Protein backbone atom coordinates (compact mmCIF):
# COMPACT_ATOMS: atom_id res chain seq x y z
CA MET A 1 91.88 113.56 121.86
CA LYS A 2 90.23 114.79 118.51
CA PRO A 3 90.07 111.80 116.35
CA GLN A 4 92.08 112.69 113.34
CA GLU A 5 95.41 112.42 116.32
CA LEU A 6 94.20 108.45 116.31
CA LEU A 7 96.06 107.77 113.05
CA SER A 8 99.19 108.50 114.70
CA GLU A 9 98.95 105.44 116.56
CA PRO A 10 100.40 102.00 115.55
CA MET A 11 96.84 100.28 116.19
CA VAL A 12 93.23 101.18 117.34
CA LEU A 13 91.04 98.72 117.77
CA THR A 14 87.01 98.77 117.22
CA ASP A 15 84.35 96.16 117.43
CA ALA A 16 83.28 93.12 114.97
CA GLY A 17 79.92 92.04 113.20
CA VAL A 18 77.59 92.65 116.02
CA GLU A 19 74.41 91.86 113.96
CA THR A 20 75.76 88.47 112.59
CA VAL A 21 76.97 87.59 116.20
CA LEU A 22 73.23 88.19 117.85
CA VAL A 23 71.44 86.29 115.12
CA PHE A 24 74.10 83.41 114.01
CA GLN A 25 75.81 83.04 117.33
CA LYS A 26 73.68 84.18 119.83
CA GLY A 27 69.90 83.09 118.26
CA VAL A 28 68.61 86.43 118.78
CA ASP A 29 65.63 87.73 116.43
CA LEU A 30 66.97 90.88 114.47
CA PRO A 31 63.74 92.36 112.15
CA ALA A 32 65.15 93.98 109.47
CA PHE A 33 68.32 93.43 111.07
CA ALA A 34 68.38 96.04 113.33
CA ALA A 35 70.24 95.74 116.67
CA PHE A 36 69.23 98.98 118.37
CA PRO A 37 65.45 97.90 119.63
CA LEU A 38 67.79 95.34 121.61
CA VAL A 39 69.04 98.34 123.92
CA GLU A 40 65.36 98.68 125.53
CA GLN A 41 65.22 94.89 126.64
CA ASP A 42 67.03 93.37 129.78
CA GLU A 43 68.20 90.45 127.85
CA GLY A 44 68.96 92.62 124.86
CA ARG A 45 70.99 95.21 126.82
CA ALA A 46 72.17 91.79 128.40
CA HIS A 47 73.86 90.85 124.93
CA LEU A 48 75.15 94.06 123.60
CA THR A 49 77.06 94.52 126.84
CA SER A 50 78.60 91.06 127.23
CA TYR A 51 79.23 91.59 123.33
CA THR A 52 80.81 95.16 123.74
CA GLN A 53 83.05 94.16 127.03
CA ASP A 54 84.63 91.45 124.77
CA PHE A 55 86.93 94.04 122.67
CA VAL A 56 87.28 96.21 125.78
CA GLU A 57 89.19 93.59 127.50
CA LEU A 58 90.70 92.98 124.10
CA ALA A 59 92.00 96.47 123.89
CA ASP A 60 93.23 96.45 127.32
CA ARG A 61 94.93 93.47 127.05
CA HIS A 62 96.76 95.62 124.34
CA ASP A 63 96.81 98.68 125.87
CA ALA A 64 95.12 100.37 122.62
CA SER A 65 93.23 103.13 121.99
CA LEU A 66 89.58 102.16 121.47
CA ILE A 67 86.71 103.17 119.32
CA LEU A 68 83.72 102.12 120.52
CA GLU A 69 80.38 101.76 118.35
CA THR A 70 76.68 102.42 118.85
CA PRO A 71 74.50 99.68 118.06
CA THR A 72 72.53 102.31 115.83
CA TRP A 73 73.14 100.80 112.05
CA ARG A 74 69.10 100.86 111.53
CA ALA A 75 67.94 103.52 113.60
CA ASN A 76 67.37 106.25 110.59
CA PRO A 77 63.98 107.37 109.96
CA ASP A 78 63.12 105.24 107.47
CA TRP A 79 64.11 101.89 109.00
CA GLY A 80 62.95 103.17 112.55
CA ALA A 81 59.11 103.59 110.85
CA GLU A 82 59.81 100.10 109.44
CA LEU A 83 60.05 98.82 112.87
CA GLY A 84 56.95 101.02 114.36
CA TYR A 85 59.43 104.32 115.73
CA THR A 86 58.50 107.62 116.12
CA ARG A 87 61.17 110.47 116.10
CA ASP A 88 61.11 110.78 119.39
CA ASP A 89 61.43 106.95 119.85
CA LEU A 90 64.16 107.30 117.93
CA ARG A 91 66.02 109.99 119.74
CA ARG A 92 65.24 108.02 122.90
CA VAL A 93 66.95 105.16 121.86
CA THR A 94 69.86 106.92 120.29
CA HIS A 95 70.48 108.88 123.24
CA GLU A 96 70.49 105.09 125.42
CA SER A 97 72.79 103.56 123.00
CA VAL A 98 75.15 106.28 123.56
CA LYS A 99 74.66 105.74 127.46
CA MET A 100 74.92 102.24 127.30
CA THR A 101 78.16 102.75 125.16
CA GLN A 102 79.90 104.90 127.11
CA ASP A 103 79.36 102.62 130.21
CA ALA A 104 81.37 100.48 128.46
CA ARG A 105 83.93 102.90 128.05
CA ASP A 106 84.44 103.73 131.83
CA ALA A 107 84.65 100.36 132.61
CA ARG A 108 88.08 100.18 130.86
CA THR A 109 91.05 99.15 133.13
CA SER A 110 93.55 100.72 130.23
CA SER A 111 94.24 104.56 130.25
CA ALA A 112 94.32 104.10 126.27
CA THR A 113 91.97 106.52 124.56
CA THR A 114 88.62 105.86 123.95
CA LEU A 115 86.04 107.38 121.33
CA ILE A 116 82.22 106.95 121.05
CA SER A 117 81.39 106.69 117.72
CA GLY A 118 77.77 107.16 116.86
CA ALA A 119 76.85 104.07 113.82
CA ILE A 120 75.15 105.37 111.00
CA GLY A 121 73.88 103.12 108.38
CA PRO A 122 72.44 103.69 104.72
CA ARG A 123 68.84 104.56 104.10
CA GLY A 124 68.52 101.99 101.67
CA ASP A 125 69.59 98.42 101.89
CA GLY A 126 73.41 98.57 102.45
CA TYR A 127 74.19 95.90 99.74
CA VAL A 128 72.57 97.98 96.99
CA PRO A 129 71.95 101.35 96.13
CA GLY A 130 68.47 101.04 95.70
CA LYS A 131 66.48 104.67 95.40
CA THR A 132 69.53 107.15 95.43
CA MET A 133 69.33 110.75 97.02
CA SER A 134 71.23 113.86 96.13
CA ALA A 135 73.69 115.09 98.77
CA GLN A 136 71.62 117.49 99.96
CA GLU A 137 68.78 115.17 100.13
CA ALA A 138 71.29 112.80 102.29
CA ALA A 139 72.45 115.60 104.50
CA ASP A 140 68.56 116.31 105.34
CA PHE A 141 67.74 112.87 105.92
CA HIS A 142 70.78 111.77 107.91
CA SER A 143 70.55 115.33 110.02
CA GLN A 144 68.10 113.83 112.56
CA GLN A 145 70.35 110.73 113.52
CA ILE A 146 73.56 112.83 113.49
CA GLY A 147 71.73 116.02 115.97
CA ASP A 148 70.76 112.87 118.43
CA PHE A 149 74.07 111.79 118.30
CA VAL A 150 75.93 115.05 118.93
CA ASP A 151 73.42 116.09 121.84
CA ALA A 152 73.94 112.69 123.18
CA GLY A 153 77.82 113.31 123.43
CA VAL A 154 79.35 111.35 120.99
CA ASP A 155 82.95 112.09 119.90
CA LEU A 156 82.73 111.19 115.94
CA VAL A 157 80.04 109.90 114.05
CA THR A 158 80.63 106.64 111.65
CA SER A 159 78.90 105.92 108.43
CA PHE A 160 78.56 102.06 107.49
CA THR A 161 78.35 100.03 104.19
CA PHE A 162 77.15 103.46 101.91
CA THR A 163 77.07 102.33 98.29
CA TYR A 164 77.42 105.48 96.56
CA PRO A 165 79.22 109.11 96.93
CA GLU A 166 76.23 111.22 97.53
CA GLU A 167 75.31 109.56 100.74
CA GLY A 168 79.07 110.02 101.97
CA ILE A 169 78.74 113.66 101.00
CA GLY A 170 75.61 114.14 103.08
CA VAL A 171 76.75 112.33 105.90
CA ALA A 172 79.32 114.55 106.30
CA THR A 173 77.99 117.96 105.54
CA ALA A 174 75.38 117.02 107.96
CA ALA A 175 78.47 116.37 110.53
CA ALA A 176 80.07 119.46 109.36
CA GLU A 177 76.73 121.64 110.26
CA ARG A 178 76.93 120.11 113.80
CA GLY A 179 80.68 120.39 114.34
CA VAL A 180 81.14 116.59 114.75
CA PRO A 181 83.85 114.80 112.82
CA ALA A 182 82.77 112.19 110.43
CA VAL A 183 84.52 108.78 109.29
CA ILE A 184 82.95 108.12 105.90
CA GLY A 185 82.43 104.06 105.47
CA PHE A 186 82.24 102.66 101.89
CA THR A 187 81.52 98.60 100.75
CA VAL A 188 82.70 97.25 97.59
CA GLU A 189 81.47 94.71 95.34
CA THR A 190 83.54 91.71 94.28
CA ASP A 191 85.30 93.88 91.82
CA GLY A 192 86.59 96.29 94.18
CA GLN A 193 83.93 98.82 93.04
CA LEU A 194 81.35 100.35 94.89
CA PRO A 195 77.83 98.79 94.39
CA ASN A 196 76.89 101.95 92.48
CA GLY A 197 79.87 101.26 89.89
CA VAL A 198 82.43 104.12 91.32
CA SER A 199 85.59 103.06 92.34
CA LEU A 200 86.80 104.00 96.07
CA GLY A 201 89.35 106.61 94.60
CA GLU A 202 86.44 108.19 92.80
CA ALA A 203 83.72 108.27 95.80
CA ILE A 204 86.76 109.54 98.38
CA ALA A 205 87.67 112.40 96.27
CA ALA A 206 83.82 113.14 95.66
CA VAL A 207 83.33 113.30 99.24
CA ASP A 208 86.80 115.36 99.67
CA GLU A 209 85.87 117.89 97.42
CA ALA A 210 82.33 118.73 98.76
CA ALA A 211 82.65 117.97 102.30
CA GLY A 212 86.45 116.66 102.94
CA SER A 213 87.37 119.19 106.08
CA SER A 214 84.53 117.29 108.23
CA VAL A 215 86.34 113.71 107.54
CA ALA A 216 88.28 112.46 109.53
CA TRP A 217 89.33 109.35 107.39
CA TYR A 218 87.58 106.85 105.50
CA MET A 219 86.77 103.60 106.02
CA ILE A 220 86.02 100.20 103.82
CA ASN A 221 83.52 97.68 105.32
CA CYS A 222 81.64 94.71 105.07
CA ALA A 223 83.82 93.14 101.84
CA HIS A 224 86.56 90.58 102.28
CA PRO A 225 90.13 91.75 101.93
CA ASP A 226 90.19 89.92 98.14
CA HIS A 227 87.48 92.17 97.19
CA ILE A 228 88.90 95.22 98.22
CA THR A 229 92.40 93.86 96.67
CA ALA A 230 90.19 93.20 93.35
CA GLY A 231 89.72 97.16 92.73
CA LEU A 232 93.28 98.62 94.23
CA PRO A 233 95.44 100.29 91.45
CA THR A 234 98.88 98.86 90.70
CA SER A 235 100.93 101.58 92.33
CA ASP A 236 100.14 104.07 95.22
CA GLU A 237 97.34 107.20 94.66
CA PRO A 238 96.96 110.05 96.58
CA TRP A 239 93.44 108.86 97.95
CA MET A 240 94.77 105.84 99.58
CA ALA A 241 96.26 108.04 102.20
CA ARG A 242 92.76 108.94 103.71
CA ILE A 243 91.64 105.24 104.23
CA GLY A 244 92.31 104.82 108.00
CA ALA A 245 90.00 102.02 108.85
CA LEU A 246 89.05 98.52 107.80
CA ARG A 247 86.25 96.47 108.87
CA ALA A 248 86.24 93.37 106.68
CA ASN A 249 83.66 90.63 106.06
CA ALA A 250 85.21 86.96 107.00
CA SER A 251 83.37 85.39 104.46
CA ARG A 252 85.23 85.70 100.57
CA GLN A 253 81.20 85.46 99.63
CA SER A 254 79.66 87.92 97.49
CA HIS A 255 77.00 90.48 99.09
CA ALA A 256 74.23 88.57 97.12
CA GLU A 257 75.40 85.40 98.23
CA LEU A 258 75.55 86.84 102.15
CA ASP A 259 72.01 87.87 101.74
CA GLU A 260 70.76 84.41 101.11
CA ALA A 261 73.16 82.68 103.30
CA GLU A 262 71.61 80.64 106.09
CA VAL A 263 74.46 79.15 107.50
CA LEU A 264 77.16 81.91 108.57
CA ASP A 265 80.75 81.55 107.07
CA ASP A 266 83.34 82.90 109.58
CA GLY A 267 86.05 82.46 107.23
CA ASN A 268 89.70 81.66 108.53
CA PRO A 269 90.75 84.42 111.54
CA THR A 270 94.11 83.77 111.45
CA GLU A 271 93.97 84.35 107.77
CA LEU A 272 92.08 87.39 108.01
CA GLY A 273 94.67 89.22 110.29
CA SER A 274 97.44 88.38 107.60
CA GLN A 275 95.42 90.03 105.00
CA TYR A 276 94.58 93.30 107.03
CA VAL A 277 98.42 93.35 107.64
CA GLU A 278 98.76 93.10 104.15
CA LEU A 279 96.47 95.86 103.38
CA ARG A 280 98.38 98.09 105.69
CA HIS A 281 101.32 98.36 103.17
CA ARG A 282 99.04 99.73 100.81
CA PHE A 283 96.87 102.36 102.93
CA PRO A 284 99.76 104.17 104.90
CA ASN A 285 97.40 105.57 107.27
CA LEU A 286 95.25 102.64 108.41
CA ARG A 287 94.94 102.47 111.79
CA VAL A 288 91.54 101.58 112.70
CA VAL A 289 90.64 97.86 112.69
CA GLY A 290 87.70 95.38 113.45
CA GLY A 291 85.41 93.54 111.55
CA CYS A 292 81.85 93.39 109.79
CA CYS A 293 79.81 90.74 109.20
CA GLY A 294 80.68 87.38 109.99
CA THR A 295 83.39 88.29 112.37
CA ASP A 296 83.45 88.15 116.20
CA ILE A 297 85.98 88.55 118.88
CA ARG A 298 88.39 85.81 117.66
CA HIS A 299 88.86 88.02 114.31
CA VAL A 300 89.50 90.98 115.80
CA GLU A 301 91.88 89.30 118.26
CA ALA A 302 93.64 87.77 115.46
CA VAL A 303 93.88 91.11 113.37
CA ALA A 304 95.54 92.72 116.76
CA GLU A 305 98.02 89.97 117.17
CA ALA A 306 99.23 89.92 113.21
CA TRP A 307 99.01 93.48 113.70
CA THR A 308 101.30 93.76 115.88
CA LEU A 309 103.57 91.08 115.44
């Protein structure tokens, strides 16, 4: 199945905030907030396998299609180097991450579609743009990881918490060059604008104009629904139909507040589920639902229950 075909289904599930689950619930130390090194540790693999299995079982209970993300949000050349990973190390861990995710897919009891997505994080922090790249620089930077994903056999690649359009254009361009569909995920601040001040509509228009044919859909992640709603126009606009995925934060805290938080704010799963349903009325092609920081299986289960009422 082509990823775009999933948007014809009533609901597609994915996972939650793996890093915050590991740090705050499992007590796992994640230098640089990177989960990918766990793939090469017995205890780490056990944590990741257990975490993923919860979402596989949830999708099976709903007989729903599922997108399984690799734990590779930080596995790019810059963050990898900070953690002591060479180019060959990153290629190895990327392949191991994909294989582990494929094993989880193969354990499903439902015959519903399961796609494997290679998760791509930003070159920078994820909450602030920092030193930005041109679209070509971003394509060059992310092409290594995308190539490794393609060689490992993913069905699509997904970028998370991008803070400015050019990085999204770069990933879409590099994905097109390797013939793999891309999902471009942007985050927003409490006012609903990207951290660089651009609106979601402007960011999506920029990526679509430059490389839209390779973008299966767009995602909003790492922001509470209240923050997303704050930036929406009063009436529907064409770009809103390009939103296919939502992975919200549990907390209403700003990114700056979350950065300083020492205690997890896991919000209200039931309330979050109802807010997802409200946003479905604004985004007509929203089908892929999961969570981001502060969310776990409880939140995605609440979303699934509300979605199917």
